[in-house]
Protein backbone atom coordinates (compact mmCIF):
# COMPACT_ATOMS: atom_id res chain seq x y z
CA UNK A 1 77.87 40.81 21.23
CA UNK A 2 77.89 41.23 24.94
CA UNK A 3 75.52 39.52 27.25
CA UNK A 4 74.10 42.08 29.96
CA UNK A 5 73.31 40.61 33.61
CA UNK A 6 75.58 37.65 33.00
CA UNK A 7 78.90 37.04 34.61
CA UNK A 8 80.50 35.60 31.58
CA UNK A 9 80.56 32.16 32.50
CA UNK A 10 82.89 32.42 35.56
CA UNK A 11 82.38 29.86 38.27
CA UNK A 12 80.35 30.74 41.38
CA UNK A 13 81.07 29.64 44.79
CA UNK A 14 79.10 29.56 47.90
CA UNK A 15 80.82 31.70 50.70
CA UNK A 16 79.48 29.26 53.30
CA UNK A 17 81.79 26.62 51.72
CA UNK A 18 84.68 29.05 52.35
CA UNK A 19 87.41 27.91 54.71
CA UNK A 20 88.01 30.32 57.86
CA UNK A 21 90.86 32.54 57.63
CA UNK A 22 94.49 31.78 58.66
CA UNK A 23 94.68 34.40 61.62
CA UNK A 24 91.01 33.11 62.97
CA UNK A 25 92.52 29.61 62.85
CA UNK A 26 95.66 30.38 64.61
CA UNK A 27 93.73 32.61 67.12
CA UNK A 28 91.23 29.46 67.90
CA UNK A 29 94.23 27.31 68.35
CA UNK A 30 96.18 29.61 70.78
CA UNK A 31 93.02 30.05 72.75
CA UNK A 32 92.44 26.26 73.12
CA UNK A 33 96.14 25.93 74.09
CA UNK A 34 95.73 28.85 76.70
CA UNK A 35 92.78 27.05 78.26
CA UNK A 36 94.11 23.77 78.50
CA UNK A 37 97.28 25.17 80.27
CA UNK A 38 95.14 27.30 82.67
CA UNK A 39 93.46 23.72 83.77
CA UNK A 40 96.88 22.27 83.92
CA UNK A 41 97.96 25.00 86.27
CA UNK A 42 94.79 24.82 88.38
CA UNK A 43 95.54 20.92 88.48
CA UNK A 44 98.99 21.34 89.54
CA UNK A 45 98.02 23.95 92.38
CA UNK A 46 95.25 21.66 93.43
CA UNK A 47 97.64 18.69 93.89
CA UNK A 48 99.92 20.75 96.20
CA UNK A 49 97.10 22.11 98.09
CA UNK A 50 95.39 18.78 98.15
CA UNK A 51 98.46 16.47 99.08
CA UNK A 52 98.19 16.16 102.86
CA UNK A 53 94.55 16.29 103.01
CA UNK A 54 93.04 13.98 100.36
CA UNK A 55 95.69 11.92 98.75
CA UNK A 56 93.62 10.15 95.93
CA UNK A 57 92.26 13.60 94.47
CA UNK A 58 95.83 14.91 94.54
CA UNK A 59 97.19 11.97 92.87
CA UNK A 60 94.32 12.32 89.90
CA UNK A 61 95.23 15.97 89.69
CA UNK A 62 98.91 15.16 89.28
CA UNK A 63 98.06 12.81 86.57
CA UNK A 64 95.82 15.48 84.90
CA UNK A 65 98.65 18.21 85.33
CA UNK A 66 101.18 15.78 83.85
CA UNK A 67 99.30 14.48 80.69
CA UNK A 68 97.57 17.77 79.75
CA UNK A 69 100.47 19.52 78.26
CA UNK A 70 100.86 16.67 75.88
CA UNK A 71 97.09 16.80 74.80
CA UNK A 72 97.29 20.60 74.51
CA UNK A 73 100.11 20.45 72.15
CA UNK A 74 98.43 17.80 69.82
CA UNK A 75 95.03 19.35 69.71
CA UNK A 76 97.03 22.98 69.17
CA UNK A 77 98.99 21.48 66.10
CA UNK A 78 95.90 19.23 64.77
CA UNK A 79 96.04 21.64 61.65
CA UNK A 80 93.33 23.32 59.91
CA UNK A 81 90.00 22.16 59.24
CA UNK A 82 89.30 19.72 56.20
CA UNK A 83 88.18 21.81 53.24
CA UNK A 84 84.88 21.21 51.64
CA UNK A 85 84.90 19.51 48.38
CA UNK A 86 84.56 21.72 45.42
CA UNK A 87 81.60 19.90 43.78
CA UNK A 88 79.34 20.45 46.80
CA UNK A 89 79.97 23.75 46.95
CA UNK A 90 79.97 24.73 43.53
CA UNK A 91 76.85 26.43 42.19
CA UNK A 92 76.62 26.60 38.22
CA UNK A 93 75.99 30.13 36.85
CA UNK A 94 72.41 30.17 35.43
CA UNK A 95 72.19 30.05 31.54
CA UNK A 96 69.96 31.99 29.83
CA UNK A 97 69.02 31.60 26.09
CA UNK A 98 70.81 34.03 23.79
CA UNK A 99 67.73 34.53 21.73
CA UNK A 100 64.28 34.82 22.88
CA UNK A 101 61.64 32.24 21.44
CA UNK A 102 59.33 33.69 18.88
CA UNK A 103 55.96 34.56 20.10
CA UNK A 104 53.48 31.72 19.57
CA UNK A 105 50.72 34.30 18.41
CA UNK A 106 50.88 33.53 14.92
CA UNK A 107 53.23 33.25 11.83
CA UNK A 108 56.55 35.13 12.07
CA UNK A 109 56.79 37.88 9.64
CA UNK A 110 60.11 39.02 7.98
CA UNK A 111 61.02 42.45 8.44
CA UNK A 112 63.73 43.99 5.99
CA UNK A 113 66.91 45.17 7.44
CA UNK A 114 67.71 48.99 7.03
CA UNK A 115 71.18 48.94 5.56
CA UNK A 116 72.41 52.39 5.17
């Protein structure tokens, strides 16, 4: 006997608990790395421009330009986000009774089956 409208006991997962795609993850890491390197390039240019004008600011931008590549690589290689645990994202399939309960209006009558 087949149950209609049921998924046959298959596990059901919420899509909100799914991890983002690999291509999207790589694209996000590349974007963060390029932004970091753009900031580093700006810091190096400011160092060259401000060296004879404002030496203290130029030294700060030089330090930022020197350490930012390390930070950018660490951020870019940090890996994918953590996978949410399955128990929190698992939704059990609703169970329905196989046989409907007898009506409570009175005693049940037996009906002979047609065997032909």
